[in-house]
N, C-alpha and C. Protein backbone atom coordinates (compact mmCIF):
# COMPACT_ATOMS: atom_id res chain seq x y z
N MET A 1 16.64 106.87 -102.74
CA MET A 1 16.05 105.57 -103.05
C MET A 1 15.91 104.77 -101.76
N LEU A 2 14.82 104.09 -101.63
CA LEU A 2 14.56 103.30 -100.45
C LEU A 2 15.29 101.98 -100.53
N GLY A 3 15.39 101.30 -99.39
CA GLY A 3 16.15 100.06 -99.32
C GLY A 3 15.38 98.82 -99.72
N PHE A 4 14.47 98.91 -100.67
CA PHE A 4 13.77 97.73 -101.13
C PHE A 4 13.71 97.75 -102.65
N PRO A 5 13.49 96.58 -103.25
CA PRO A 5 13.51 96.50 -104.71
C PRO A 5 12.47 97.41 -105.35
N GLY A 6 12.78 97.90 -106.52
CA GLY A 6 11.85 98.75 -107.25
C GLY A 6 12.09 100.21 -106.96
N ARG A 7 11.48 101.05 -107.74
CA ARG A 7 11.61 102.49 -107.54
C ARG A 7 10.39 102.99 -106.80
N LEU A 8 10.59 104.04 -106.02
CA LEU A 8 9.49 104.63 -105.25
C LEU A 8 8.34 105.03 -106.18
N ASN A 9 8.66 105.50 -107.38
CA ASN A 9 7.63 105.93 -108.32
C ASN A 9 6.78 104.77 -108.82
N ASP A 10 7.27 103.54 -108.67
CA ASP A 10 6.52 102.37 -109.13
C ASP A 10 5.45 101.94 -108.14
N ILE A 11 5.46 102.51 -106.96
CA ILE A 11 4.53 102.09 -105.91
C ILE A 11 3.28 102.96 -105.97
N ALA A 12 2.16 102.32 -106.19
CA ALA A 12 0.90 103.06 -106.29
C ALA A 12 0.36 103.37 -104.91
N PRO A 13 -0.36 104.48 -104.77
CA PRO A 13 -0.98 104.79 -103.48
C PRO A 13 -1.93 103.67 -103.05
N VAL A 14 -2.06 103.50 -101.77
CA VAL A 14 -2.87 102.42 -101.23
C VAL A 14 -4.12 102.99 -100.58
N ASN A 15 -5.27 102.44 -100.93
CA ASN A 15 -6.51 102.80 -100.25
C ASN A 15 -6.68 101.77 -99.14
N LYS A 16 -6.29 102.15 -97.92
CA LYS A 16 -6.25 101.22 -96.81
C LYS A 16 -7.64 100.71 -96.41
N GLN A 17 -8.70 101.43 -96.76
CA GLN A 17 -10.04 100.99 -96.39
C GLN A 17 -10.48 99.78 -97.23
N GLU A 18 -9.92 99.62 -98.40
CA GLU A 18 -10.32 98.53 -99.28
C GLU A 18 -9.37 97.34 -99.20
N SER A 19 -8.24 97.50 -98.54
CA SER A 19 -7.22 96.47 -98.53
C SER A 19 -6.91 96.01 -97.11
N LYS A 20 -6.44 94.77 -97.01
CA LYS A 20 -5.99 94.23 -95.72
C LYS A 20 -4.50 93.97 -95.79
N ILE A 21 -3.83 94.19 -94.68
CA ILE A 21 -2.40 93.94 -94.61
C ILE A 21 -2.14 92.44 -94.55
N VAL A 22 -1.25 91.97 -95.42
CA VAL A 22 -0.85 90.56 -95.39
C VAL A 22 0.57 90.40 -94.85
N SER A 23 1.36 91.47 -94.88
CA SER A 23 2.73 91.41 -94.39
C SER A 23 3.16 92.81 -93.94
N ARG A 24 3.82 92.87 -92.80
CA ARG A 24 4.35 94.12 -92.27
C ARG A 24 5.75 93.81 -91.73
N GLU A 25 6.76 94.17 -92.51
CA GLU A 25 8.13 93.78 -92.21
C GLU A 25 8.98 94.99 -91.83
N PRO A 26 9.84 94.86 -90.82
CA PRO A 26 10.81 95.91 -90.54
C PRO A 26 11.73 96.06 -91.76
N TRP A 27 11.98 97.31 -92.15
CA TRP A 27 12.79 97.55 -93.35
C TRP A 27 13.55 98.85 -93.16
N TRP A 28 14.78 98.90 -93.65
CA TRP A 28 15.54 100.14 -93.51
C TRP A 28 15.20 101.12 -94.64
N ALA A 29 15.32 102.41 -94.35
CA ALA A 29 15.09 103.43 -95.37
C ALA A 29 16.24 103.43 -96.36
N HIS A 30 17.46 103.20 -95.88
CA HIS A 30 18.66 103.11 -96.69
C HIS A 30 19.54 102.03 -96.07
N PRO A 31 20.22 101.22 -96.87
CA PRO A 31 21.11 100.21 -96.31
C PRO A 31 22.22 100.85 -95.47
N PRO A 32 22.73 100.13 -94.49
CA PRO A 32 23.83 100.68 -93.68
C PRO A 32 25.05 100.95 -94.55
N ALA A 33 25.73 102.06 -94.26
CA ALA A 33 26.99 102.37 -94.93
C ALA A 33 28.06 101.42 -94.36
N ASN A 34 29.15 101.30 -95.06
CA ASN A 34 30.25 100.45 -94.57
C ASN A 34 30.62 100.86 -93.16
N GLY A 35 30.65 99.90 -92.25
CA GLY A 35 31.01 100.15 -90.87
C GLY A 35 29.88 100.71 -90.01
N GLN A 36 28.74 100.99 -90.60
CA GLN A 36 27.61 101.53 -89.83
C GLN A 36 26.80 100.39 -89.21
N SER A 37 26.42 100.56 -87.96
CA SER A 37 25.62 99.57 -87.26
C SER A 37 24.17 99.65 -87.74
N GLU A 38 23.50 98.50 -87.77
CA GLU A 38 22.08 98.50 -88.13
C GLU A 38 21.25 99.29 -87.13
N GLU A 39 21.73 99.41 -85.91
CA GLU A 39 21.01 100.18 -84.90
C GLU A 39 20.96 101.67 -85.24
N ASP A 40 21.93 102.13 -86.04
CA ASP A 40 22.02 103.54 -86.40
C ASP A 40 21.28 103.89 -87.68
N VAL A 41 20.72 102.90 -88.34
CA VAL A 41 20.01 103.11 -89.60
C VAL A 41 18.58 103.56 -89.31
N GLU A 42 18.02 104.36 -90.21
CA GLU A 42 16.61 104.75 -90.08
C GLU A 42 15.74 103.58 -90.52
N TRP A 43 14.82 103.17 -89.65
CA TRP A 43 13.96 102.01 -89.88
C TRP A 43 12.51 102.42 -90.02
N GLY A 44 11.78 101.61 -90.76
CA GLY A 44 10.34 101.76 -90.89
C GLY A 44 9.75 100.39 -91.17
N TYR A 45 8.58 100.38 -91.79
CA TYR A 45 7.92 99.12 -92.13
C TYR A 45 7.60 99.08 -93.61
N LEU A 46 7.86 97.94 -94.22
CA LEU A 46 7.41 97.65 -95.58
C LEU A 46 6.11 96.87 -95.42
N ILE A 47 5.03 97.43 -95.94
CA ILE A 47 3.70 96.84 -95.76
C ILE A 47 3.19 96.36 -97.11
N VAL A 48 2.73 95.11 -97.14
CA VAL A 48 2.16 94.52 -98.35
C VAL A 48 0.69 94.25 -98.08
N TYR A 49 -0.15 94.68 -99.01
CA TYR A 49 -1.60 94.52 -98.88
C TYR A 49 -2.09 93.37 -99.75
N ASP A 50 -3.27 92.87 -99.44
CA ASP A 50 -3.82 91.73 -100.17
C ASP A 50 -4.11 92.03 -101.64
N ASN A 51 -4.18 93.29 -102.01
CA ASN A 51 -4.40 93.65 -103.41
C ASN A 51 -3.08 93.82 -104.17
N GLY A 52 -1.94 93.49 -103.51
CA GLY A 52 -0.64 93.55 -104.15
C GLY A 52 0.09 94.88 -104.02
N LYS A 53 -0.55 95.85 -103.46
CA LYS A 53 0.08 97.16 -103.28
C LYS A 53 1.10 97.09 -102.16
N ILE A 54 2.14 97.93 -102.28
CA ILE A 54 3.22 97.98 -101.31
C ILE A 54 3.36 99.41 -100.79
N GLU A 55 3.61 99.53 -99.50
CA GLU A 55 3.78 100.84 -98.87
C GLU A 55 4.96 100.77 -97.92
N PHE A 56 5.78 101.81 -97.91
CA PHE A 56 6.86 101.92 -96.93
C PHE A 56 6.55 103.13 -96.06
N THR A 57 6.63 102.93 -94.74
CA THR A 57 6.32 104.03 -93.83
C THR A 57 7.39 104.16 -92.76
N LEU A 58 7.71 105.40 -92.44
CA LEU A 58 8.65 105.71 -91.36
C LEU A 58 7.91 106.23 -90.14
N ASP A 59 6.59 106.05 -90.10
CA ASP A 59 5.77 106.57 -89.00
C ASP A 59 6.14 105.98 -87.65
N GLU A 60 6.63 104.76 -87.66
CA GLU A 60 6.94 104.05 -86.42
C GLU A 60 8.22 103.24 -86.63
N ARG A 61 9.12 103.29 -85.64
CA ARG A 61 10.35 102.49 -85.73
C ARG A 61 10.07 101.10 -85.16
N PRO A 62 10.48 100.06 -85.89
CA PRO A 62 10.33 98.70 -85.35
C PRO A 62 11.14 98.54 -84.06
N THR A 63 10.72 97.63 -83.23
CA THR A 63 11.45 97.37 -81.99
C THR A 63 12.78 96.69 -82.32
N ALA A 64 13.69 96.69 -81.38
CA ALA A 64 14.99 96.03 -81.56
C ALA A 64 14.79 94.54 -81.84
N GLU A 65 13.83 93.94 -81.19
CA GLU A 65 13.53 92.51 -81.40
C GLU A 65 13.02 92.27 -82.82
N GLU A 66 12.12 93.13 -83.32
CA GLU A 66 11.61 92.99 -84.68
C GLU A 66 12.74 93.12 -85.71
N ILE A 67 13.65 94.06 -85.46
CA ILE A 67 14.78 94.25 -86.37
C ILE A 67 15.69 93.03 -86.34
N ARG A 68 15.97 92.53 -85.17
CA ARG A 68 16.87 91.40 -85.00
C ARG A 68 16.31 90.12 -85.63
N THR A 69 14.98 89.92 -85.59
CA THR A 69 14.38 88.68 -86.08
C THR A 69 13.71 88.83 -87.44
N ARG A 70 13.97 89.91 -88.15
CA ARG A 70 13.31 90.14 -89.43
C ARG A 70 13.71 89.08 -90.46
N ARG A 71 12.84 88.88 -91.44
CA ARG A 71 13.09 87.89 -92.48
C ARG A 71 13.82 88.50 -93.68
N GLY A 72 13.52 89.74 -94.00
CA GLY A 72 14.09 90.37 -95.19
C GLY A 72 15.00 91.54 -94.84
N CYS A 73 15.38 92.27 -95.88
CA CYS A 73 16.20 93.47 -95.72
C CYS A 73 17.52 93.15 -95.04
N ARG A 74 18.30 92.26 -95.62
CA ARG A 74 19.60 91.88 -95.06
C ARG A 74 20.70 92.16 -96.03
């Protein structure tokens, strides 16, 4: 299970050609275990499109600054 609300099966595929990104937030794949540093967690991006679709991708790791200043996933 990913580290964001909802089940992975609830997320519909996104046709990126028809949608625009409205939010791209650093997000962990799994919350840190007790005593685990956030630096050691696998990170990706939670992407929200203007049509309401949500996508999580591990294609690129957010920078340390993006992780440190993120708004969600705490």
